[in-house]
PDB file of N, CA and C in Angstrom:
ATOM      1  N   UNK A   1      28.507   2.219 -27.874  1.00  0.00           N
ATOM      2  CA  UNK A   1      27.848   2.355 -26.612  1.00  0.00           C
ATOM      3  C   UNK A   1      26.629   3.264 -26.728  1.00  0.00           C
ATOM      4  N   UNK A   2      26.772   4.374 -27.483  1.00  0.00           N
ATOM      5  CA  UNK A   2      25.660   5.312 -27.635  1.00  0.00           C
ATOM      6  C   UNK A   2      24.500   4.657 -28.379  1.00  0.00           C
ATOM      7  N   UNK A   3      24.803   3.807 -29.346  1.00  0.00           N
ATOM      8  CA  UNK A   3      23.761   3.113 -30.093  1.00  0.00           C
ATOM      9  C   UNK A   3      22.941   2.202 -29.207  1.00  0.00           C
ATOM     10  N   UNK A   4      23.606   1.531 -28.278  1.00  0.00           N
ATOM     11  CA  UNK A   4      22.919   0.637 -27.355  1.00  0.00           C
ATOM     12  C   UNK A   4      22.003   1.431 -26.435  1.00  0.00           C
ATOM     13  N   UNK A   5      22.454   2.575 -25.955  1.00  0.00           N
ATOM     14  CA  UNK A   5      21.628   3.378 -25.060  1.00  0.00           C
ATOM     15  C   UNK A   5      20.449   3.977 -25.814  1.00  0.00           C
ATOM     16  N   UNK A   6      20.643   4.354 -27.090  1.00  0.00           N
ATOM     17  CA  UNK A   6      19.533   4.859 -27.901  1.00  0.00           C
ATOM     18  C   UNK A   6      18.496   3.760 -28.129  1.00  0.00           C
ATOM     19  N   UNK A   7      18.949   2.539 -28.345  1.00  0.00           N
ATOM     20  CA  UNK A   7      18.045   1.418 -28.547  1.00  0.00           C
ATOM     21  C   UNK A   7      17.240   1.141 -27.283  1.00  0.00           C
ATOM     22  N   UNK A   8      17.901   1.184 -26.135  1.00  0.00           N
ATOM     23  CA  UNK A   8      17.193   0.972 -24.872  1.00  0.00           C
ATOM     24  C   UNK A   8      16.177   2.075 -24.620  1.00  0.00           C
ATOM     25  N   UNK A   9      16.518   3.314 -24.963  1.00  0.00           N
ATOM     26  CA  UNK A   9      15.595   4.428 -24.799  1.00  0.00           C
ATOM     27  C   UNK A   9      14.393   4.253 -25.717  1.00  0.00           C
ATOM     28  N   UNK A  10      14.621   3.814 -26.935  1.00  0.00           N
ATOM     29  CA  UNK A  10      13.529   3.571 -27.875  1.00  0.00           C
ATOM     30  C   UNK A  10      12.602   2.475 -27.356  1.00  0.00           C
ATOM     31  N   UNK A  11      13.181   1.403 -26.835  1.00  0.00           N
ATOM     32  CA  UNK A  11      12.383   0.313 -26.265  1.00  0.00           C
ATOM     33  C   UNK A  11      11.539   0.816 -25.101  1.00  0.00           C
ATOM     34  N   UNK A  12      12.141   1.596 -24.240  1.00  0.00           N
ATOM     35  CA  UNK A  12      11.436   2.111 -23.072  1.00  0.00           C
ATOM     36  C   UNK A  12      10.286   3.026 -23.484  1.00  0.00           C
ATOM     37  N   UNK A  13      10.525   3.883 -24.485  1.00  0.00           N
ATOM     38  CA  UNK A  13       9.473   4.784 -24.952  1.00  0.00           C
ATOM     39  C   UNK A  13       8.302   4.003 -25.540  1.00  0.00           C
ATOM     40  N   UNK A  14       8.601   2.982 -26.322  1.00  0.00           N
ATOM     41  CA  UNK A  14       7.541   2.171 -26.921  1.00  0.00           C
ATOM     42  C   UNK A  14       6.741   1.456 -25.843  1.00  0.00           C
ATOM     43  N   UNK A  15       7.431   0.897 -24.870  1.00  0.00           N
ATOM     44  CA  UNK A  15       6.741   0.211 -23.775  1.00  0.00           C
ATOM     45  C   UNK A  15       5.892   1.192 -22.969  1.00  0.00           C
ATOM     46  N   UNK A  16       6.417   2.384 -22.725  1.00  0.00           N
ATOM     47  CA  UNK A  16       5.668   3.398 -21.981  1.00  0.00           C
ATOM     48  C   UNK A  16       4.428   3.837 -22.746  1.00  0.00           C
ATOM     49  N   UNK A  17       4.547   3.952 -24.063  1.00  0.00           N
ATOM     50  CA  UNK A  17       3.381   4.337 -24.869  1.00  0.00           C
ATOM     51  C   UNK A  17       2.309   3.260 -24.813  1.00  0.00           C
ATOM     52  N   UNK A  18       2.710   1.996 -24.814  1.00  0.00           N
ATOM     53  CA  UNK A  18       1.722   0.924 -24.748  1.00  0.00           C
ATOM     54  C   UNK A  18       1.021   0.910 -23.392  1.00  0.00           C
ATOM     55  N   UNK A  19       1.750   1.190 -22.332  1.00  0.00           N
ATOM     56  CA  UNK A  19       1.125   1.276 -21.002  1.00  0.00           C
ATOM     57  C   UNK A  19       0.191   2.482 -20.933  1.00  0.00           C
ATOM     58  N   UNK A  20       0.602   3.599 -21.519  1.00  0.00           N
ATOM     59  CA  UNK A  20      -0.251   4.798 -21.536  1.00  0.00           C
ATOM     60  C   UNK A  20      -1.544   4.532 -22.304  1.00  0.00           C
ATOM     61  N   UNK A  21      -1.460   3.798 -23.409  1.00  0.00           N
ATOM     62  CA  UNK A  21      -2.660   3.448 -24.169  1.00  0.00           C
ATOM     63  C   UNK A  21      -3.614   2.622 -23.315  1.00  0.00           C
ATOM     64  N   UNK A  22      -3.085   1.681 -22.572  1.00  0.00           N
ATOM     65  CA  UNK A  22      -3.895   0.859 -21.685  1.00  0.00           C
ATOM     66  C   UNK A  22      -4.591   1.712 -20.623  1.00  0.00           C
ATOM     67  N   UNK A  23      -3.857   2.623 -20.016  1.00  0.00           N
ATOM     68  CA  UNK A  23      -4.422   3.473 -18.965  1.00  0.00           C
ATOM     69  C   UNK A  23      -5.478   4.411 -19.530  1.00  0.00           C
ATOM     70  N   UNK A  24      -5.201   5.031 -20.682  1.00  0.00           N
ATOM     71  CA  UNK A  24      -6.176   5.929 -21.309  1.00  0.00           C
ATOM     72  C   UNK A  24      -7.445   5.156 -21.664  1.00  0.00           C
ATOM     73  N   UNK A  25      -7.298   3.970 -22.204  1.00  0.00           N
ATOM     74  CA  UNK A  25      -8.462   3.144 -22.531  1.00  0.00           C
ATOM     75  C   UNK A  25      -9.270   2.796 -21.300  1.00  0.00           C
ATOM     76  N   UNK A  26      -8.590   2.451 -20.224  1.00  0.00           N
ATOM     77  CA  UNK A  26      -9.275   2.127 -18.979  1.00  0.00           C
ATOM     78  C   UNK A  26     -10.069   3.323 -18.472  1.00  0.00           C
ATOM     79  N   UNK A  27      -9.444   4.488 -18.478  1.00  0.00           N
ATOM     80  CA  UNK A  27     -10.113   5.697 -17.982  1.00  0.00           C
ATOM     81  C   UNK A  27     -11.302   6.063 -18.867  1.00  0.00           C
ATOM     82  N   UNK A  28     -11.135   5.992 -20.187  1.00  0.00           N
ATOM     83  CA  UNK A  28     -12.215   6.370 -21.091  1.00  0.00           C
ATOM     84  C   UNK A  28     -13.403   5.411 -21.035  1.00  0.00           C
ATOM     85  N   UNK A  29     -13.160   4.181 -20.627  1.00  0.00           N
ATOM     86  CA  UNK A  29     -14.242   3.204 -20.567  1.00  0.00           C
ATOM     87  C   UNK A  29     -14.773   2.974 -19.159  1.00  0.00           C
ATOM     88  N   UNK A  30     -14.292   3.739 -18.198  1.00  0.00           N
ATOM     89  CA  UNK A  30     -14.796   3.623 -16.825  1.00  0.00           C
ATOM     90  C   UNK A  30     -16.259   4.071 -16.789  1.00  0.00           C
ATOM     91  N   UNK A  31     -17.071   3.443 -15.968  1.00  0.00           N
ATOM     92  CA  UNK A  31     -18.488   3.808 -15.909  1.00  0.00           C
ATOM     93  C   UNK A  31     -18.774   5.298 -15.663  1.00  0.00           C
ATOM     94  N   UNK A  32     -18.060   6.000 -14.789  1.00  0.00           N
ATOM     95  CA  UNK A  32     -18.394   7.432 -14.630  1.00  0.00           C
ATOM     96  C   UNK A  32     -18.174   8.237 -15.915  1.00  0.00           C
ATOM     97  N   UNK A  33     -17.164   7.902 -16.683  1.00  0.00           N
ATOM     98  CA  UNK A  33     -16.904   8.613 -17.930  1.00  0.00           C
ATOM     99  C   UNK A  33     -17.964   8.247 -18.967  1.00  0.00           C
ATOM    100  N   UNK A  34     -18.325   6.976 -19.020  1.00  0.00           N
ATOM    101  CA  UNK A  34     -19.321   6.529 -19.984  1.00  0.00           C
ATOM    102  C   UNK A  34     -20.676   7.159 -19.657  1.00  0.00           C
ATOM    103  N   UNK A  35     -20.983   7.322 -18.385  1.00  0.00           N
ATOM    104  CA  UNK A  35     -22.259   7.929 -18.006  1.00  0.00           C
ATOM    105  C   UNK A  35     -22.377   9.368 -18.487  1.00  0.00           C
ATOM    106  N   UNK A  36     -21.255  10.035 -18.683  1.00  0.00           N
ATOM    107  CA  UNK A  36     -21.329  11.409 -19.177  1.00  0.00           C
ATOM    108  C   UNK A  36     -21.880  11.460 -20.590  1.00  0.00           C
ATOM    109  N   UNK A  37     -21.855  10.344 -21.275  1.00  0.00           N
ATOM    110  CA  UNK A  37     -22.370  10.325 -22.645  1.00  0.00           C
ATOM    111  C   UNK A  37     -23.810   9.811 -22.703  1.00  0.00           C
ATOM    112  N   UNK A  38     -24.490   9.736 -21.559  1.00  0.00           N
ATOM    113  CA  UNK A  38     -25.877   9.267 -21.542  1.00  0.00           C
ATOM    114  C   UNK A  38     -26.829  10.413 -21.868  1.00  0.00           C
ATOM    115  N   UNK A  39     -26.807  10.829 -23.093  1.00  0.00           N
ATOM    116  CA  UNK A  39     -27.685  11.894 -23.556  1.00  0.00           C
ATOM    117  C   UNK A  39     -28.790  11.277 -24.391  1.00  0.00           C
ATOM    118  N   UNK A  40     -29.925  11.931 -24.371  1.00  0.00           N
ATOM    119  CA  UNK A  40     -30.998  11.505 -25.264  1.00  0.00           C
ATOM    120  C   UNK A  40     -30.642  11.977 -26.662  1.00  0.00           C
ATOM    121  N   UNK A  41     -30.612  11.087 -27.578  1.00  0.00           N
ATOM    122  CA  UNK A  41     -30.292  11.453 -28.945  1.00  0.00           C
ATOM    123  C   UNK A  41     -29.433  10.390 -29.594  1.00  0.00           C
ATOM    124  N   UNK A  42     -29.115  10.641 -30.827  1.00  0.00           N
ATOM    125  CA  UNK A  42     -28.330   9.651 -31.551  1.00  0.00           C
ATOM    126  C   UNK A  42     -27.503  10.326 -32.640  1.00  0.00           C
ATOM    127  N   UNK A  43     -26.516   9.591 -33.086  1.00  0.00           N
ATOM    128  CA  UNK A  43     -25.670  10.006 -34.206  1.00  0.00           C
ATOM    129  C   UNK A  43     -25.846   8.939 -35.277  1.00  0.00           C
ATOM    130  N   UNK A  44     -26.308   9.346 -36.426  1.00  0.00           N
ATOM    131  CA  UNK A  44     -26.588   8.416 -37.528  1.00  0.00           C
ATOM    132  C   UNK A  44     -27.512   7.284 -37.080  1.00  0.00           C
ATOM    133  N   UNK A  45     -28.434   7.599 -36.180  1.00  0.00           N
ATOM    134  CA  UNK A  45     -29.383   6.603 -35.697  1.00  0.00           C
ATOM    135  C   UNK A  45     -28.837   5.698 -34.605  1.00  0.00           C
ATOM    136  N   UNK A  46     -27.611   5.946 -34.159  1.00  0.00           N
ATOM    137  CA  UNK A  46     -26.980   5.143 -33.108  1.00  0.00           C
ATOM    138  C   UNK A  46     -26.997   5.962 -31.822  1.00  0.00           C
ATOM    139  N   UNK A  47     -27.457   5.385 -30.703  1.00  0.00           N
ATOM    140  CA  UNK A  47     -27.457   6.139 -29.435  1.00  0.00           C
ATOM    141  C   UNK A  47     -26.050   6.628 -29.079  1.00  0.00           C
ATOM    142  N   UNK A  48     -25.980   7.794 -28.436  1.00  0.00           N
ATOM    143  CA  UNK A  48     -24.688   8.399 -28.093  1.00  0.00           C
ATOM    144  C   UNK A  48     -23.780   7.436 -27.318  1.00  0.00           C
ATOM    145  N   UNK A  49     -24.335   6.736 -26.340  1.00  0.00           N
ATOM    146  CA  UNK A  49     -23.513   5.848 -25.513  1.00  0.00           C
ATOM    147  C   UNK A  49     -22.878   4.744 -26.350  1.00  0.00           C
ATOM    148  N   UNK A  50     -23.658   4.141 -27.209  1.00  0.00           N
ATOM    149  CA  UNK A  50     -23.134   3.067 -28.060  1.00  0.00           C
ATOM    150  C   UNK A  50     -22.091   3.630 -29.019  1.00  0.00           C
ATOM    151  N   UNK A  51     -22.371   4.793 -29.601  1.00  0.00           N
ATOM    152  CA  UNK A  51     -21.419   5.432 -30.504  1.00  0.00           C
ATOM    153  C   UNK A  51     -20.105   5.737 -29.780  1.00  0.00           C
ATOM    154  N   UNK A  52     -20.190   6.270 -28.561  1.00  0.00           N
ATOM    155  CA  UNK A  52     -19.003   6.589 -27.760  1.00  0.00           C
ATOM    156  C   UNK A  52     -18.185   5.325 -27.485  1.00  0.00           C
ATOM    157  N   UNK A  53     -18.852   4.279 -26.997  1.00  0.00           N
ATOM    158  CA  UNK A  53     -18.142   3.047 -26.642  1.00  0.00           C
ATOM    159  C   UNK A  53     -17.421   2.447 -27.847  1.00  0.00           C
ATOM    160  N   UNK A  54     -18.094   2.371 -28.983  1.00  0.00           N
ATOM    161  CA  UNK A  54     -17.471   1.764 -30.155  1.00  0.00           C
ATOM    162  C   UNK A  54     -16.403   2.661 -30.765  1.00  0.00           C
ATOM    163  N   UNK A  55     -16.555   3.968 -30.643  1.00  0.00           N
ATOM    164  CA  UNK A  55     -15.520   4.875 -31.139  1.00  0.00           C
ATOM    165  C   UNK A  55     -14.246   4.733 -30.310  1.00  0.00           C
ATOM    166  N   UNK A  56     -14.389   4.716 -28.986  1.00  0.00           N
ATOM    167  CA  UNK A  56     -13.222   4.530 -28.114  1.00  0.00           C
ATOM    168  C   UNK A  56     -12.585   3.172 -28.381  1.00  0.00           C
ATOM    169  N   UNK A  57     -13.418   2.151 -28.507  1.00  0.00           N
ATOM    170  CA  UNK A  57     -12.923   0.800 -28.769  1.00  0.00           C
ATOM    171  C   UNK A  57     -12.132   0.762 -30.081  1.00  0.00           C
ATOM    172  N   UNK A  58     -12.667   1.379 -31.128  1.00  0.00           N
ATOM    173  CA  UNK A  58     -11.986   1.389 -32.422  1.00  0.00           C
ATOM    174  C   UNK A  58     -10.668   2.167 -32.355  1.00  0.00           C
ATOM    175  N   UNK A  59     -10.651   3.266 -31.616  1.00  0.00           N
ATOM    176  CA  UNK A  59      -9.416   4.046 -31.480  1.00  0.00           C
ATOM    177  C   UNK A  59      -8.354   3.277 -30.691  1.00  0.00           C
ATOM    178  N   UNK A  60      -8.769   2.548 -29.665  1.00  0.00           N
ATOM    179  CA  UNK A  60      -7.817   1.733 -28.898  1.00  0.00           C
ATOM    180  C   UNK A  60      -7.221   0.621 -29.769  1.00  0.00           C
ATOM    181  N   UNK A  61      -8.052  -0.013 -30.559  1.00  0.00           N
ATOM    182  CA  UNK A  61      -7.553  -1.065 -31.448  1.00  0.00           C
ATOM    183  C   UNK A  61      -6.606  -0.476 -32.486  1.00  0.00           C
ATOM    184  N   UNK A  62      -6.950   0.690 -33.020  1.00  0.00           N
ATOM    185  CA  UNK A  62      -6.074   1.340 -33.995  1.00  0.00           C
ATOM    186  C   UNK A  62      -4.730   1.687 -33.373  1.00  0.00           C
ATOM    187  N   UNK A  63      -4.752   2.230 -32.155  1.00  0.00           N
ATOM    188  CA  UNK A  63      -3.503   2.551 -31.468  1.00  0.00           C
ATOM    189  C   UNK A  63      -2.665   1.315 -31.201  1.00  0.00           C
ATOM    190  N   UNK A  64      -3.320   0.233 -30.796  1.00  0.00           N
ATOM    191  CA  UNK A  64      -2.588  -1.015 -30.556  1.00  0.00           C
ATOM    192  C   UNK A  64      -2.012  -1.574 -31.854  1.00  0.00           C
ATOM    193  N   UNK A  65      -2.757  -1.464 -32.946  1.00  0.00           N
ATOM    194  CA  UNK A  65      -2.268  -1.958 -34.238  1.00  0.00           C
ATOM    195  C   UNK A  65      -1.065  -1.148 -34.719  1.00  0.00           C
ATOM    196  N   UNK A  66      -1.063   0.139 -34.427  1.00  0.00           N
ATOM    197  CA  UNK A  66       0.070   0.981 -34.817  1.00  0.00           C
ATOM    198  C   UNK A  66       1.310   0.638 -33.986  1.00  0.00           C
ATOM    199  N   UNK A  67       1.117   0.341 -32.712  1.00  0.00           N
ATOM    200  CA  UNK A  67       2.262   0.060 -31.835  1.00  0.00           C
ATOM    201  C   UNK A  67       2.747  -1.385 -31.897  1.00  0.00           C
ATOM    202  N   UNK A  68       1.917  -2.308 -32.355  1.00  0.00           N
ATOM    203  CA  UNK A  68       2.291  -3.725 -32.350  1.00  0.00           C
ATOM    204  C   UNK A  68       3.580  -4.017 -33.120  1.00  0.00           C
ATOM    205  N   UNK A  69       3.760  -3.490 -34.335  1.00  0.00           N
ATOM    206  CA  UNK A  69       5.024  -3.787 -35.040  1.00  0.00           C
ATOM    207  C   UNK A  69       6.256  -3.280 -34.284  1.00  0.00           C
ATOM    208  N   UNK A  70       6.142  -2.122 -33.646  1.00  0.00           N
ATOM    209  CA  UNK A  70       7.282  -1.595 -32.883  1.00  0.00           C
ATOM    210  C   UNK A  70       7.601  -2.490 -31.695  1.00  0.00           C
ATOM    211  N   UNK A  71       6.557  -2.944 -31.008  1.00  0.00           N
ATOM    212  CA  UNK A  71       6.791  -3.829 -29.868  1.00  0.00           C
ATOM    213  C   UNK A  71       7.397  -5.150 -30.326  1.00  0.00           C
ATOM    214  N   UNK A  72       6.906  -5.668 -31.450  1.00  0.00           N
ATOM    215  CA  UNK A  72       7.435  -6.925 -31.979  1.00  0.00           C
ATOM    216  C   UNK A  72       8.901  -6.749 -32.390  1.00  0.00           C
ATOM    217  N   UNK A  73       9.218  -5.621 -33.049  1.00  0.00           N
ATOM    218  CA  UNK A  73      10.597  -5.359 -33.452  1.00  0.00           C
ATOM    219  C   UNK A  73      11.504  -5.220 -32.241  1.00  0.00           C
ATOM    220  N   UNK A  74      10.990  -4.577 -31.178  1.00  0.00           N
ATOM    221  CA  UNK A  74      11.778  -4.437 -29.956  1.00  0.00           C
ATOM    222  C   UNK A  74      12.056  -5.798 -29.330  1.00  0.00           C
ATOM    223  N   UNK A  75      11.059  -6.685 -29.348  1.00  0.00           N
ATOM    224  CA  UNK A  75      11.270  -8.023 -28.802  1.00  0.00           C
ATOM    225  C   UNK A  75      12.284  -8.802 -29.620  1.00  0.00           C
ATOM    226  N   UNK A  76      12.210  -8.682 -30.944  1.00  0.00           N
ATOM    227  CA  UNK A  76      13.162  -9.390 -31.806  1.00  0.00           C
ATOM    228  C   UNK A  76      14.581  -8.871 -31.592  1.00  0.00           C
ATOM    229  N   UNK A  77      14.725  -7.544 -31.477  1.00  0.00           N
ATOM    230  CA  UNK A  77      16.064  -6.994 -31.284  1.00  0.00           C
ATOM    231  C   UNK A  77      16.586  -7.335 -29.890  1.00  0.00           C
ATOM    232  N   UNK A  78      15.704  -7.427 -28.915  1.00  0.00           N
ATOM    233  CA  UNK A  78      16.129  -7.813 -27.578  1.00  0.00           C
ATOM    234  C   UNK A  78      16.609  -9.257 -27.575  1.00  0.00           C
ATOM    235  N   UNK A  79      15.914 -10.130 -28.289  1.00  0.00           N
ATOM    236  CA  UNK A  79      16.351 -11.530 -28.382  1.00  0.00           C
ATOM    237  C   UNK A  79      17.683 -11.622 -29.105  1.00  0.00           C
ATOM    238  N   UNK A  80      17.873 -10.793 -30.116  1.00  0.00           N
ATOM    239  CA  UNK A  80      19.142 -10.776 -30.838  1.00  0.00           C
ATOM    240  C   UNK A  80      20.272 -10.311 -29.952  1.00  0.00           C
ATOM    241  N   UNK A  81      19.992  -9.305 -29.088  1.00  0.00           N
ATOM    242  CA  UNK A  81      21.009  -8.812 -28.163  1.00  0.00           C
ATOM    243  C   UNK A  81      21.352  -9.897 -27.143  1.00  0.00           C
ATOM    244  N   UNK A  82      20.360 -10.621 -26.682  1.00  0.00           N
ATOM    245  CA  UNK A  82      20.583 -11.680 -25.696  1.00  0.00           C
ATOM    246  C   UNK A  82      21.398 -12.806 -26.316  1.00  0.00           C
ATOM    247  N   UNK A  83      21.072 -13.170 -27.562  1.00  0.00           N
ATOM    248  CA  UNK A  83      21.808 -14.245 -28.225  1.00  0.00           C
ATOM    249  C   UNK A  83      23.236 -13.848 -28.557  1.00  0.00           C
ATOM    250  N   UNK A  84      23.449 -12.583 -28.872  1.00  0.00           N
ATOM    251  CA  UNK A  84      24.805 -12.147 -29.248  1.00  0.00           C
ATOM    252  C   UNK A  84      25.727 -12.038 -28.032  1.00  0.00           C
ATOM    253  N   UNK A  85      25.147 -11.931 -26.837  1.00  0.00           N
ATOM    254  CA  UNK A  85      25.984 -11.831 -25.630  1.00  0.00           C
ATOM    255  C   UNK A  85      26.522 -13.196 -25.225  1.00  0.00           C
ATOM    256  N   UNK A  86      25.855 -14.229 -25.663  1.00  0.00           N
ATOM    257  CA  UNK A  86      26.311 -15.572 -25.322  1.00  0.00           C
ATOM    258  C   UNK A  86      25.736 -16.033 -24.011  1.00  0.00           C
ATOM    259  N   UNK A  87      25.926 -17.299 -23.683  1.00  0.00           N
ATOM    260  CA  UNK A  87      25.378 -17.840 -22.440  1.00  0.00           C
ATOM    261  C   UNK A  87      26.115 -17.268 -21.232  1.00  0.00           C
ATOM    262  N   UNK A  88      25.360 -17.193 -20.146  1.00  0.00           N
ATOM    263  CA  UNK A  88      25.980 -16.676 -18.889  1.00  0.00           C
ATOM    264  C   UNK A  88      26.694 -17.754 -18.136  1.00  0.00           C
TER     265      UNK A  88
END
């Protein structure tokens, strides 16, 4: 019984982290936040705004790539739990 509850807690944490990543990405890419990076200047010849947008974009993709295997494993284990319970 404890193993099942630990598995459900792990699934919930992974799902919550994926939702948090979505919300953080949304907030970081909102126009008021992006406007704060409208400075004259550049980094390595790239304007600050473009550098900011692509950096946030790359970090969001990296975070999603790190979480994808966990979400996939959770889905597979959930399907296994559903199949092992038998038809209703």
